[in-house]
Amino acid sequence: MCGRYSLASDQSKEIAQIVAEVQARFGAASIHTGEIFPTNVAPILLPDGQKMAPKPMIWGFPSFKGKGVIINARGDTAFDKPMFRRSVLERRCIVPTTGFYEWDRQKRKYHFRLPGQDRLYLAGLWNVFQGEERFVVLTTAPNNTIVHVHDRMPVLLTDDEAIPWLHDTGMASTKLTALQPALEGIAV
């Protein structure tokens, strides 16, 4: 679930500002844009007082099996899993996107986004592995608009939920299993 997402700075003024800030602070080639794949470096949002500050990180925690990466964490079990427990308590982040991709059983690719919105915030976790800062996307049960395509979906954050997600563990715990807002999915 959520194996790719879009980060199109030409489609969203807010995403363009995040990309520009990361590039100014960390270098022009510090992040990927367009379609983001696992192991790409992409911007995430971290707490900065009562604001959010973007920072580049690698998408995917190293697999405990020694090969590949873990790109998602199940929201319903994140507090129980040793790999995610400390991060869900202390290192929550936001993954800014312009939507995410999913494939149905017939291998048709869909792009999902919030109706009428030019950006979509995904709930995430981050951690440091061998000196590299990395993030994962949290997932939950699908709502009615995605269940026909996939059996999981990202945990979505509204603008009003962004700052509380970063600071309030109680809110974060509730959000991990809450019903997600309706999306529009377009075959691409």
Protein backbone atom coordinates (compact mmCIF):
# COMPACT_ATOMS: atom_id res chain seq x y z
CA MET A 1 0.00 0.00 0.00
CA CYS A 2 1.13 3.48 -0.86
CA GLY A 3 4.17 2.39 -2.85
CA ARG A 4 4.42 5.69 -4.74
CA TYR A 5 3.15 9.21 -4.41
CA SER A 6 3.27 12.45 -6.36
CA LEU A 7 5.08 15.64 -5.45
CA ALA A 8 4.22 18.04 -8.26
CA SER A 9 5.38 21.55 -7.40
CA ASP A 10 3.73 22.92 -10.54
CA GLN A 11 0.31 21.82 -9.26
CA SER A 12 0.38 23.31 -5.76
CA LYS A 13 1.66 26.64 -4.46
CA GLU A 14 2.21 25.14 -1.00
CA ILE A 15 4.15 22.15 -2.37
CA ALA A 16 6.22 24.54 -4.52
CA GLN A 17 7.11 26.53 -1.37
CA ILE A 18 8.13 23.36 0.50
CA VAL A 19 10.30 22.19 -2.40
CA ALA A 20 11.89 25.65 -2.78
CA GLU A 21 12.68 25.86 0.95
CA VAL A 22 14.31 22.41 1.01
CA GLN A 23 16.32 23.18 -2.11
CA ALA A 24 17.46 26.54 -0.69
CA ARG A 25 18.48 25.04 2.68
CA PHE A 26 19.89 21.69 1.54
CA GLY A 27 20.86 22.17 -2.12
CA ALA A 28 19.04 22.16 -5.43
CA ALA A 29 19.51 18.42 -5.99
CA SER A 30 18.60 17.45 -2.42
CA ILE A 31 15.16 15.98 -3.20
CA HIS A 32 13.16 14.23 -5.90
CA THR A 33 9.95 15.68 -7.32
CA GLY A 34 7.32 14.25 -9.65
CA GLU A 35 6.55 10.59 -8.93
CA ILE A 36 8.27 9.59 -5.69
CA PHE A 37 9.53 6.00 -5.38
CA PRO A 38 10.77 4.12 -2.30
CA THR A 39 14.39 5.05 -1.42
CA ASN A 40 14.01 8.48 -3.07
CA VAL A 41 14.91 11.50 -0.97
CA ALA A 42 11.79 13.64 -0.52
CA PRO A 43 10.71 16.45 1.81
CA ILE A 44 8.88 15.73 5.02
CA LEU A 45 7.51 18.21 7.54
CA LEU A 46 8.79 18.20 11.12
CA PRO A 47 7.74 20.27 14.13
CA ASP A 48 9.43 23.66 14.48
CA GLY A 49 7.81 25.20 17.55
CA GLN A 50 4.16 25.62 16.60
CA LYS A 51 5.01 25.59 12.89
CA MET A 52 6.30 22.97 10.47
CA ALA A 53 9.69 22.94 8.79
CA PRO A 54 10.58 20.83 5.73
CA LYS A 55 13.59 18.53 5.68
CA PRO A 56 14.79 15.97 3.12
CA MET A 57 14.74 12.30 4.14
CA ILE A 58 14.97 8.89 2.49
CA TRP A 59 11.69 7.04 2.02
CA GLY A 60 11.93 3.64 3.68
CA PHE A 61 13.33 2.12 6.87
CA PRO A 62 15.94 -0.59 6.26
CA SER A 63 14.34 -4.03 6.30
CA PHE A 64 15.16 -6.16 9.30
CA LYS A 65 15.73 -8.99 6.79
CA GLY A 66 18.78 -7.13 5.49
CA LYS A 67 17.49 -6.50 1.97
CA GLY A 68 15.09 -3.84 0.71
CA VAL A 69 13.17 -1.23 2.66
CA ILE A 70 9.97 -0.98 4.66
CA ILE A 71 8.00 1.96 3.24
CA ASN A 72 4.75 1.74 5.25
CA ALA A 73 3.73 1.08 8.83
CA ARG A 74 0.30 -0.20 9.76
CA GLY A 75 -1.35 2.41 11.96
CA ASP A 76 -3.31 -0.21 13.88
CA THR A 77 -0.12 -2.01 15.03
CA ALA A 78 2.53 0.77 15.03
CA PHE A 79 2.44 1.12 18.84
CA ASP A 80 3.03 -2.65 19.18
CA LYS A 81 5.92 -3.09 16.73
CA PRO A 82 9.47 -2.51 18.03
CA MET A 83 10.53 -0.97 14.71
CA PHE A 84 7.85 1.76 14.92
CA ARG A 85 6.90 2.16 18.61
CA ARG A 86 9.44 4.82 19.56
CA SER A 87 8.87 6.74 16.33
CA VAL A 88 5.07 6.80 16.76
CA LEU A 89 5.59 8.14 20.28
CA GLU A 90 8.36 10.66 19.57
CA ARG A 91 9.11 11.05 15.84
CA ARG A 92 5.95 11.70 13.89
CA CYS A 93 6.21 13.61 10.61
CA ILE A 94 4.04 14.72 7.73
CA VAL A 95 4.64 13.67 4.14
CA PRO A 96 3.49 16.48 1.81
CA THR A 97 2.16 15.20 -1.53
CA THR A 98 -0.11 16.09 -4.39
CA GLY A 99 -1.66 12.59 -4.18
CA PHE A 100 -0.72 8.92 -4.03
CA TYR A 101 -0.81 6.03 -6.47
CA GLU A 102 -2.35 2.62 -6.11
CA TRP A 103 -2.91 -0.32 -8.46
CA ASP A 104 -5.95 -2.55 -8.65
CA ARG A 105 -5.90 -6.32 -9.26
CA GLN A 106 -5.88 -5.75 -13.02
CA LYS A 107 -2.70 -3.65 -12.61
CA ARG A 108 -4.50 -0.39 -13.47
CA LYS A 109 -2.80 2.59 -11.87
CA TYR A 110 -4.90 5.19 -10.00
CA HIS A 111 -3.94 8.59 -8.63
CA PHE A 112 -5.85 9.51 -5.46
CA ARG A 113 -6.28 13.00 -4.05
CA LEU A 114 -8.68 15.04 -1.97
CA PRO A 115 -11.46 16.56 -4.08
CA GLY A 116 -10.83 20.24 -4.72
CA GLN A 117 -7.41 20.22 -3.01
CA ASP A 118 -4.03 20.67 -4.67
CA ARG A 119 -2.11 18.94 -1.86
CA LEU A 120 -2.51 15.96 0.43
CA TYR A 121 -0.76 15.41 3.77
CA LEU A 122 0.12 11.83 4.74
CA ALA A 123 0.89 10.83 8.33
CA GLY A 124 4.40 9.47 8.71
CA LEU A 125 7.12 8.39 11.11
CA TRP A 126 10.85 8.96 10.94
CA ASN A 127 13.99 7.53 12.50
CA VAL A 128 17.76 7.44 12.05
CA PHE A 129 19.50 4.31 10.73
CA GLN A 130 23.30 4.26 10.47
CA GLY A 131 23.36 8.05 10.34
CA GLU A 132 20.63 8.35 7.67
CA GLU A 133 17.30 9.97 8.45
CA ARG A 134 14.45 7.94 6.94
CA PHE A 135 10.66 8.00 6.95
CA VAL A 136 7.68 5.67 6.41
CA VAL A 137 4.03 6.38 5.59
CA LEU A 138 1.36 5.16 8.02
CA THR A 139 -1.53 3.16 6.59
CA THR A 140 -5.01 2.22 7.74
CA ALA A 141 -8.10 0.38 6.53
CA PRO A 142 -9.45 1.72 3.23
CA ASN A 143 -12.50 3.93 3.04
CA ASN A 144 -15.30 3.44 0.49
CA THR A 145 -13.52 5.44 -2.20
CA ILE A 146 -10.42 3.20 -2.32
CA VAL A 147 -11.60 -0.22 -1.11
CA HIS A 148 -12.38 -1.31 -4.69
CA VAL A 149 -8.72 -0.67 -5.63
CA HIS A 150 -6.71 -1.68 -2.54
CA ASP A 151 -7.09 -3.07 0.98
CA ARG A 152 -5.02 -0.32 2.68
CA MET A 153 -4.66 3.44 2.34
CA PRO A 154 -2.48 6.16 3.89
CA VAL A 155 -3.54 7.93 7.06
CA LEU A 156 -4.54 11.39 5.78
CA LEU A 157 -4.19 14.66 7.70
CA THR A 158 -6.24 17.80 7.19
CA ASP A 159 -4.66 21.24 7.61
CA ASP A 160 -6.22 21.46 11.09
CA GLU A 161 -4.78 18.08 12.09
CA ALA A 162 -1.19 18.73 10.93
CA ILE A 163 0.25 20.53 13.98
CA PRO A 164 -1.65 18.36 16.51
CA TRP A 165 -0.38 15.22 14.69
CA LEU A 166 3.20 16.35 15.29
CA HIS A 167 2.72 17.24 18.99
CA ASP A 168 -0.19 15.29 20.50
CA THR A 169 0.32 11.54 20.97
CA GLY A 170 -3.31 11.06 22.06
CA MET A 171 -4.60 12.70 18.89
CA ALA A 172 -2.12 10.68 16.83
CA SER A 173 -3.27 7.42 18.41
CA THR A 174 -6.91 8.19 17.60
CA LYS A 175 -6.08 9.31 14.05
CA LEU A 176 -4.33 6.04 13.17
CA THR A 177 -7.61 4.12 13.06
CA ALA A 178 -10.08 6.92 12.25
CA LEU A 179 -12.25 6.87 9.15
CA GLN A 180 -10.42 8.70 6.35
CA PRO A 181 -11.95 11.44 4.18
CA ALA A 182 -13.40 10.61 0.77
CA LEU A 183 -10.96 10.77 -2.12
CA GLU A 184 -11.20 10.99 -5.88
CA GLY A 185 -9.31 8.37 -7.83
CA ILE A 186 -8.38 8.86 -11.46
CA ALA A 187 -7.00 6.07 -13.64
CA VAL A 188 -3.67 7.17 -15.09
